[in-house]
Amino acid sequence: CSLGSGLSPEDCGRFQISQFHTWFHRGVAQWLDIALYKALQRIHKAVELDQLEPVDVSVKYSSSAVDTLAIYYQIKIFWQQLSWPDVEGSYTFVAKIIDDICRCSVFYADKMSKKVDGMGETQSIYEKKFEVTTEVS
């Protein structure tokens, strides 16, 4: 399912209006700005609520990592469903999405670092909760 699929794809060649997607360029850009703001708020809340316990015995990440990944996934799904018809025109959106995901990742890392630092025994917390390995799952 993609946004705008109700426009009868088989009739797209016969539309009298071309380039109608450009009408929505500013709206999509604004949506991405709002999505970044909301993502940062959700990440902040996820880290705040995180108990720094693995979500399962088979993994070494906590609930805030799952929440942050879910935010990225929602942005990906929106982009796929939007299915922007102009490839060249979509480069600015793609660049913004990548930049926003990077900003969210840095924000998440900073928030988690501050949370762990505030717990006192930083060395033992990292060793116990967030063991770094070279294994690929």
N, C-alpha and C. Protein backbone atom coordinates (compact mmCIF):
# COMPACT_ATOMS: atom_id res chain seq x y z
N CYS A 1 0.84 -1.17 0.00
CA CYS A 1 0.00 0.00 0.00
C CYS A 1 0.89 1.24 0.00
N SER A 2 0.62 2.16 -0.87
CA SER A 2 1.36 3.41 -0.88
C SER A 2 0.39 4.57 -0.85
N LEU A 3 0.84 5.66 -0.25
CA LEU A 3 -0.01 6.84 -0.17
C LEU A 3 -0.29 7.33 -1.58
N GLY A 4 -1.49 7.71 -1.85
CA GLY A 4 -1.86 8.18 -3.17
C GLY A 4 -2.25 7.07 -4.13
N SER A 5 -2.30 5.83 -3.64
CA SER A 5 -2.64 4.72 -4.54
C SER A 5 -4.10 4.79 -4.98
N GLY A 6 -4.92 5.58 -4.30
CA GLY A 6 -6.32 5.73 -4.67
C GLY A 6 -6.50 6.60 -5.91
N LEU A 7 -5.42 7.07 -6.50
CA LEU A 7 -5.50 7.91 -7.69
C LEU A 7 -5.60 7.08 -8.96
N SER A 8 -5.93 5.84 -8.83
CA SER A 8 -6.09 4.96 -9.96
C SER A 8 -4.79 4.89 -10.78
N PRO A 9 -3.84 4.07 -10.35
CA PRO A 9 -2.53 3.99 -11.02
C PRO A 9 -2.61 3.69 -12.52
N GLU A 10 -3.62 2.95 -12.94
CA GLU A 10 -3.71 2.64 -14.37
C GLU A 10 -4.09 3.86 -15.21
N ASP A 11 -4.67 4.86 -14.56
CA ASP A 11 -5.07 6.08 -15.28
C ASP A 11 -4.06 7.21 -15.14
N CYS A 12 -2.94 6.97 -14.47
CA CYS A 12 -1.96 8.04 -14.20
C CYS A 12 -1.50 8.72 -15.49
N GLY A 13 -1.39 8.02 -16.56
CA GLY A 13 -0.93 8.60 -17.82
C GLY A 13 -1.94 9.55 -18.43
N ARG A 14 -3.20 9.44 -18.04
CA ARG A 14 -4.25 10.27 -18.62
C ARG A 14 -4.63 11.48 -17.77
N PHE A 15 -3.96 11.69 -16.64
CA PHE A 15 -4.28 12.84 -15.80
C PHE A 15 -3.95 14.13 -16.52
N GLN A 16 -4.80 15.12 -16.35
CA GLN A 16 -4.57 16.44 -16.94
C GLN A 16 -3.56 17.23 -16.12
N ILE A 17 -3.41 16.88 -14.86
CA ILE A 17 -2.48 17.58 -13.97
C ILE A 17 -1.23 16.73 -13.84
N SER A 18 -0.11 17.32 -14.17
CA SER A 18 1.16 16.60 -13.98
C SER A 18 1.95 17.29 -12.88
N GLN A 19 2.86 16.60 -12.33
CA GLN A 19 3.71 17.11 -11.26
C GLN A 19 2.92 17.56 -10.02
N PHE A 20 1.77 16.93 -9.79
CA PHE A 20 0.95 17.30 -8.64
C PHE A 20 1.66 17.04 -7.32
N HIS A 21 2.62 16.13 -7.31
CA HIS A 21 3.33 15.81 -6.07
C HIS A 21 4.14 17.00 -5.56
N THR A 22 4.51 17.93 -6.45
CA THR A 22 5.28 19.10 -6.02
C THR A 22 4.47 19.99 -5.09
N TRP A 23 3.15 19.91 -5.15
CA TRP A 23 2.30 20.69 -4.25
C TRP A 23 2.55 20.30 -2.79
N PHE A 24 2.99 19.08 -2.58
CA PHE A 24 3.12 18.55 -1.24
C PHE A 24 4.56 18.57 -0.71
N HIS A 25 5.47 19.11 -1.49
CA HIS A 25 6.89 19.10 -1.11
C HIS A 25 7.10 19.77 0.25
N ARG A 26 6.55 20.96 0.43
CA ARG A 26 6.72 21.68 1.70
C ARG A 26 6.02 20.96 2.84
N GLY A 27 4.89 20.34 2.55
CA GLY A 27 4.17 19.59 3.59
C GLY A 27 4.96 18.39 4.07
N VAL A 28 5.58 17.67 3.15
CA VAL A 28 6.40 16.52 3.53
C VAL A 28 7.61 16.99 4.33
N ALA A 29 8.24 18.08 3.89
CA ALA A 29 9.39 18.62 4.62
C ALA A 29 8.99 19.01 6.04
N GLN A 30 7.81 19.62 6.19
CA GLN A 30 7.34 19.99 7.52
C GLN A 30 7.02 18.75 8.34
N TRP A 31 6.45 17.73 7.71
CA TRP A 31 6.17 16.50 8.43
C TRP A 31 7.46 15.90 8.96
N LEU A 32 8.52 15.92 8.17
CA LEU A 32 9.80 15.38 8.61
C LEU A 32 10.35 16.16 9.80
N ASP A 33 10.16 17.48 9.80
CA ASP A 33 10.60 18.29 10.94
C ASP A 33 9.82 17.91 12.21
N ILE A 34 8.52 17.74 12.06
CA ILE A 34 7.69 17.34 13.20
C ILE A 34 8.06 15.93 13.66
N ALA A 35 8.32 15.05 12.71
CA ALA A 35 8.69 13.67 13.06
C ALA A 35 9.99 13.65 13.85
N LEU A 36 10.96 14.50 13.49
CA LEU A 36 12.22 14.58 14.24
C LEU A 36 11.95 15.02 15.67
N TYR A 37 11.16 16.08 15.84
CA TYR A 37 10.84 16.57 17.18
C TYR A 37 10.18 15.48 18.02
N LYS A 38 9.19 14.80 17.44
CA LYS A 38 8.50 13.75 18.18
C LYS A 38 9.42 12.56 18.48
N ALA A 39 10.29 12.24 17.53
CA ALA A 39 11.23 11.13 17.74
C ALA A 39 12.16 11.44 18.91
N LEU A 40 12.67 12.66 18.97
CA LEU A 40 13.56 13.03 20.07
C LEU A 40 12.81 12.98 21.41
N GLN A 41 11.57 13.39 21.42
CA GLN A 41 10.77 13.33 22.65
C GLN A 41 10.53 11.88 23.07
N ARG A 42 10.24 11.03 22.10
CA ARG A 42 10.00 9.61 22.41
C ARG A 42 11.27 8.92 22.90
N ILE A 43 12.39 9.26 22.30
CA ILE A 43 13.67 8.68 22.74
C ILE A 43 13.98 9.14 24.16
N HIS A 44 13.77 10.41 24.42
CA HIS A 44 14.00 10.93 25.78
C HIS A 44 13.17 10.15 26.80
N LYS A 45 11.89 9.95 26.50
CA LYS A 45 11.00 9.23 27.42
C LYS A 45 11.41 7.75 27.53
N ALA A 46 11.82 7.15 26.41
CA ALA A 46 12.23 5.74 26.44
C ALA A 46 13.45 5.54 27.33
N VAL A 47 14.41 6.45 27.23
CA VAL A 47 15.61 6.35 28.07
C VAL A 47 15.26 6.59 29.53
N GLU A 48 14.39 7.54 29.76
CA GLU A 48 13.95 7.85 31.12
C GLU A 48 13.30 6.63 31.78
N LEU A 49 12.50 5.88 31.03
CA LEU A 49 11.79 4.72 31.57
C LEU A 49 12.61 3.44 31.56
N ASP A 50 13.73 3.45 30.88
CA ASP A 50 14.57 2.25 30.74
C ASP A 50 15.15 1.83 32.08
N GLN A 51 14.99 0.55 32.41
CA GLN A 51 15.52 0.01 33.66
C GLN A 51 16.92 -0.60 33.47
N LEU A 52 17.45 -0.49 32.27
CA LEU A 52 18.77 -1.04 31.92
C LEU A 52 18.86 -2.54 32.17
N GLU A 53 17.78 -3.19 31.85
CA GLU A 53 17.71 -4.65 31.91
C GLU A 53 17.51 -5.17 30.50
N PRO A 54 18.18 -6.26 30.14
CA PRO A 54 17.96 -6.81 28.79
C PRO A 54 16.50 -7.18 28.58
N VAL A 55 16.01 -6.97 27.37
CA VAL A 55 14.61 -7.29 27.09
C VAL A 55 14.36 -8.78 27.06
N ASP A 56 15.42 -9.56 26.90
CA ASP A 56 15.32 -11.01 26.84
C ASP A 56 16.67 -11.58 27.27
N VAL A 57 16.68 -12.82 27.70
CA VAL A 57 17.94 -13.43 28.12
C VAL A 57 18.89 -13.67 26.95
N SER A 58 18.35 -13.71 25.75
CA SER A 58 19.18 -14.00 24.57
C SER A 58 19.81 -12.76 23.95
N VAL A 59 19.49 -11.56 24.47
CA VAL A 59 20.03 -10.33 23.90
C VAL A 59 20.66 -9.47 24.99
N LYS A 60 21.44 -8.48 24.57
CA LYS A 60 22.12 -7.61 25.53
C LYS A 60 21.72 -6.16 25.37
N TYR A 61 20.51 -5.89 24.91
CA TYR A 61 20.05 -4.52 24.78
C TYR A 61 18.78 -4.35 25.60
N SER A 62 18.52 -3.10 25.98
CA SER A 62 17.40 -2.80 26.86
C SER A 62 16.21 -2.26 26.08
N SER A 63 15.16 -1.92 26.79
CA SER A 63 13.91 -1.51 26.17
C SER A 63 14.03 -0.22 25.35
N SER A 64 14.87 0.70 25.77
CA SER A 64 14.99 1.96 25.03
C SER A 64 15.60 1.74 23.65
N ALA A 65 16.45 0.74 23.51
CA ALA A 65 17.01 0.43 22.19
C ALA A 65 15.91 -0.08 21.27
N VAL A 66 15.01 -0.90 21.80
CA VAL A 66 13.89 -1.41 21.02
C VAL A 66 12.97 -0.26 20.61
N ASP A 67 12.70 0.64 21.55
CA ASP A 67 11.83 1.79 21.25
C ASP A 67 12.46 2.69 20.19
N THR A 68 13.75 2.93 20.28
CA THR A 68 14.44 3.78 19.31
C THR A 68 14.41 3.14 17.93
N LEU A 69 14.64 1.85 17.87
CA LEU A 69 14.58 1.16 16.58
C LEU A 69 13.17 1.21 16.00
N ALA A 70 12.16 1.13 16.84
CA ALA A 70 10.77 1.23 16.36
C ALA A 70 10.50 2.59 15.73
N ILE A 71 11.09 3.64 16.29
CA ILE A 71 10.94 4.98 15.72
C ILE A 71 11.54 5.02 14.32
N TYR A 72 12.73 4.46 14.16
CA TYR A 72 13.38 4.42 12.84
C TYR A 72 12.54 3.63 11.85
N TYR A 73 11.98 2.54 12.32
CA TYR A 73 11.16 1.69 11.45
C TYR A 73 9.92 2.43 10.98
N GLN A 74 9.30 3.21 11.86
CA GLN A 74 8.11 3.97 11.47
C GLN A 74 8.44 5.02 10.40
N ILE A 75 9.59 5.64 10.52
CA ILE A 75 10.02 6.61 9.50
C ILE A 75 10.25 5.90 8.18
N LYS A 76 10.85 4.74 8.22
CA LYS A 76 11.10 3.95 7.01
C LYS A 76 9.78 3.57 6.33
N ILE A 77 8.82 3.11 7.12
CA ILE A 77 7.52 2.71 6.57
C ILE A 77 6.83 3.92 5.94
N PHE A 78 6.86 5.08 6.61
CA PHE A 78 6.26 6.28 6.03
C PHE A 78 6.89 6.58 4.68
N TRP A 79 8.21 6.52 4.60
CA TRP A 79 8.89 6.85 3.34
C TRP A 79 8.50 5.86 2.24
N GLN A 80 8.43 4.60 2.58
CA GLN A 80 8.04 3.59 1.58
C GLN A 80 6.60 3.83 1.13
N GLN A 81 5.71 4.12 2.05
CA GLN A 81 4.31 4.33 1.69
C GLN A 81 4.10 5.62 0.92
N LEU A 82 4.92 6.62 1.21
CA LEU A 82 4.82 7.88 0.49
C LEU A 82 5.13 7.66 -0.99
N SER A 83 6.15 6.86 -1.25
CA SER A 83 6.50 6.48 -2.62
C SER A 83 6.57 7.71 -3.53
N TRP A 84 7.44 8.64 -3.13
CA TRP A 84 7.60 9.91 -3.85
C TRP A 84 7.95 9.64 -5.30
N PRO A 85 7.18 10.15 -6.25
CA PRO A 85 7.36 9.78 -7.66
C PRO A 85 8.59 10.38 -8.35
N ASP A 86 9.12 11.46 -7.82
CA ASP A 86 10.25 12.14 -8.45
C ASP A 86 11.54 11.74 -7.74
N VAL A 87 12.33 10.88 -8.36
CA VAL A 87 13.54 10.37 -7.73
C VAL A 87 14.52 11.50 -7.41
N GLU A 88 14.75 12.38 -8.36
CA GLU A 88 15.68 13.48 -8.12
C GLU A 88 15.17 14.42 -7.04
N GLY A 89 13.90 14.67 -7.02
CA GLY A 89 13.30 15.54 -6.01
C GLY A 89 13.29 14.92 -4.63
N SER A 90 13.42 13.62 -4.55
CA SER A 90 13.39 12.96 -3.25
C SER A 90 14.74 12.98 -2.54
N TYR A 91 15.80 13.38 -3.22
CA TYR A 91 17.13 13.38 -2.60
C TYR A 91 17.18 14.26 -1.36
N THR A 92 16.50 15.41 -1.40
CA THR A 92 16.51 16.28 -0.22
C THR A 92 15.81 15.61 0.96
N PHE A 93 14.74 14.87 0.67
CA PHE A 93 14.04 14.16 1.74
C PHE A 93 14.90 13.03 2.30
N VAL A 94 15.53 12.29 1.42
CA VAL A 94 16.38 11.18 1.86
C VAL A 94 17.53 11.70 2.71
N ALA A 95 18.15 12.79 2.26
CA ALA A 95 19.25 13.38 3.03
C ALA A 95 18.77 13.83 4.40
N LYS A 96 17.58 14.41 4.46
CA LYS A 96 17.03 14.86 5.75
C LYS A 96 16.72 13.67 6.65
N ILE A 97 16.15 12.63 6.10
CA ILE A 97 15.84 11.44 6.90
C ILE A 97 17.12 10.84 7.47
N ILE A 98 18.15 10.72 6.65
CA ILE A 98 19.42 10.17 7.13
C ILE A 98 20.01 11.06 8.22
N ASP A 99 19.99 12.38 8.00
CA ASP A 99 20.50 13.31 9.00
C ASP A 99 19.70 13.21 10.29
N ASP A 100 18.39 13.11 10.19
CA ASP A 100 17.55 13.02 11.38
C ASP A 100 17.80 11.73 12.15
N ILE A 101 17.98 10.63 11.46
CA ILE A 101 18.26 9.36 12.13
C ILE A 101 19.62 9.43 12.83
N CYS A 102 20.58 10.07 12.19
CA CYS A 102 21.89 10.25 12.83
C CYS A 102 21.75 11.12 14.08
N ARG A 103 20.98 12.20 13.98
CA ARG A 103 20.77 13.07 15.15
C ARG A 103 20.08 12.31 16.28
N CYS A 104 19.10 11.49 15.93
CA CYS A 104 18.42 10.69 16.95
C CYS A 104 19.37 9.68 17.59
N SER A 105 20.23 9.09 16.80
CA SER A 105 21.19 8.11 17.33
C SER A 105 22.17 8.76 18.29
N VAL A 106 22.68 9.94 17.93
CA VAL A 106 23.59 10.66 18.82
C VAL A 106 22.85 11.08 20.09
N PHE A 107 21.63 11.56 19.94
CA PHE A 107 20.82 11.95 21.09
C PHE A 107 20.61 10.76 22.02
N TYR A 108 20.27 9.60 21.44
CA TYR A 108 20.07 8.38 22.24
C TYR A 108 21.34 8.00 22.98
N ALA A 109 22.47 8.01 22.27
CA ALA A 109 23.74 7.64 22.89
C ALA A 109 24.10 8.60 24.03
N ASP A 110 23.89 9.88 23.82
CA ASP A 110 24.18 10.87 24.86
C ASP A 110 23.28 10.65 26.08
N LYS A 111 22.00 10.44 25.84
CA LYS A 111 21.06 10.23 26.95
C LYS A 111 21.40 8.95 27.73
N MET A 112 21.72 7.88 27.02
CA MET A 112 22.08 6.63 27.70
C MET A 112 23.37 6.79 28.48
N SER A 113 24.32 7.50 27.91
CA SER A 113 25.60 7.74 28.59
C SER A 113 25.37 8.51 29.89
N LYS A 114 24.55 9.55 29.82
CA LYS A 114 24.25 10.33 31.03
C LYS A 114 23.51 9.49 32.07
N LYS A 115 22.62 8.63 31.60
CA LYS A 115 21.88 7.78 32.54
C LYS A 115 22.82 6.82 33.25
N VAL A 116 23.72 6.22 32.51
CA VAL A 116 24.66 5.27 33.10
C VAL A 116 25.64 6.01 34.00
N ASP A 117 26.12 7.17 33.57
CA ASP A 117 27.04 7.95 34.40
C ASP A 117 26.39 8.34 35.72
N GLY A 118 25.12 8.60 35.70
CA GLY A 118 24.42 9.00 36.91
C GLY A 118 24.16 7.87 37.88
N MET A 119 24.52 6.68 37.52
CA MET A 119 24.23 5.53 38.38
C MET A 119 25.37 5.21 39.34
N GLY A 120 26.50 5.87 39.20
CA GLY A 120 27.59 5.64 40.14
C GLY A 120 28.69 4.77 39.59
N GLU A 121 28.55 3.47 39.73
CA GLU A 121 29.60 2.54 39.34
C GLU A 121 29.59 2.33 37.84
N THR A 122 30.12 3.28 37.11
CA THR A 122 30.07 3.25 35.65
C THR A 122 30.77 2.02 35.09
N GLN A 123 31.94 1.72 35.61
CA GLN A 123 32.72 0.60 35.08
C GLN A 123 31.94 -0.71 35.20
N SER A 124 31.41 -1.00 36.38
CA SER A 124 30.72 -2.27 36.56
C SER A 124 29.37 -2.29 35.83
N ILE A 125 28.72 -1.13 35.68
CA ILE A 125 27.45 -1.10 34.96
C ILE A 125 27.67 -1.44 33.50
N TYR A 126 28.71 -0.85 32.89
CA TYR A 126 29.00 -1.16 31.49
C TYR A 126 29.34 -2.64 31.34
N GLU A 127 30.12 -3.16 32.25
CA GLU A 127 30.50 -4.57 32.15
C GLU A 127 29.31 -5.49 32.32
N LYS A 128 28.43 -5.17 33.26
CA LYS A 128 27.29 -6.04 33.54
C LYS A 128 26.16 -5.88 32.54
N LYS A 129 25.85 -4.64 32.17
CA LYS A 129 24.66 -4.39 31.37
C LYS A 129 24.92 -4.32 29.87
N PHE A 130 26.07 -3.75 29.51
CA PHE A 130 26.31 -3.48 28.09
C PHE A 130 27.67 -4.02 27.68
N GLU A 131 27.80 -5.31 27.74
CA GLU A 131 29.05 -5.94 27.35
C GLU A 131 29.23 -5.81 25.84
N VAL A 132 30.36 -5.29 25.43
CA VAL A 132 30.65 -5.09 24.01
C VAL A 132 31.29 -6.37 23.48
N THR A 133 30.73 -6.89 22.40
CA THR A 133 31.28 -8.10 21.79
C THR A 133 31.48 -7.87 20.30
N THR A 134 32.21 -8.74 19.69
CA THR A 134 32.44 -8.67 18.25
C THR A 134 31.54 -9.66 17.52
N GLU A 135 30.67 -10.34 18.25
CA GLU A 135 29.76 -11.32 17.63
C GLU A 135 28.71 -10.61 16.80
N VAL A 136 28.34 -11.24 15.69
CA VAL A 136 27.27 -10.72 14.85
C VAL A 136 26.10 -11.69 14.98
N SER A 137 24.96 -11.14 15.37
CA SER A 137 23.77 -12.00 15.56
C SER A 137 23.06 -12.16 14.26
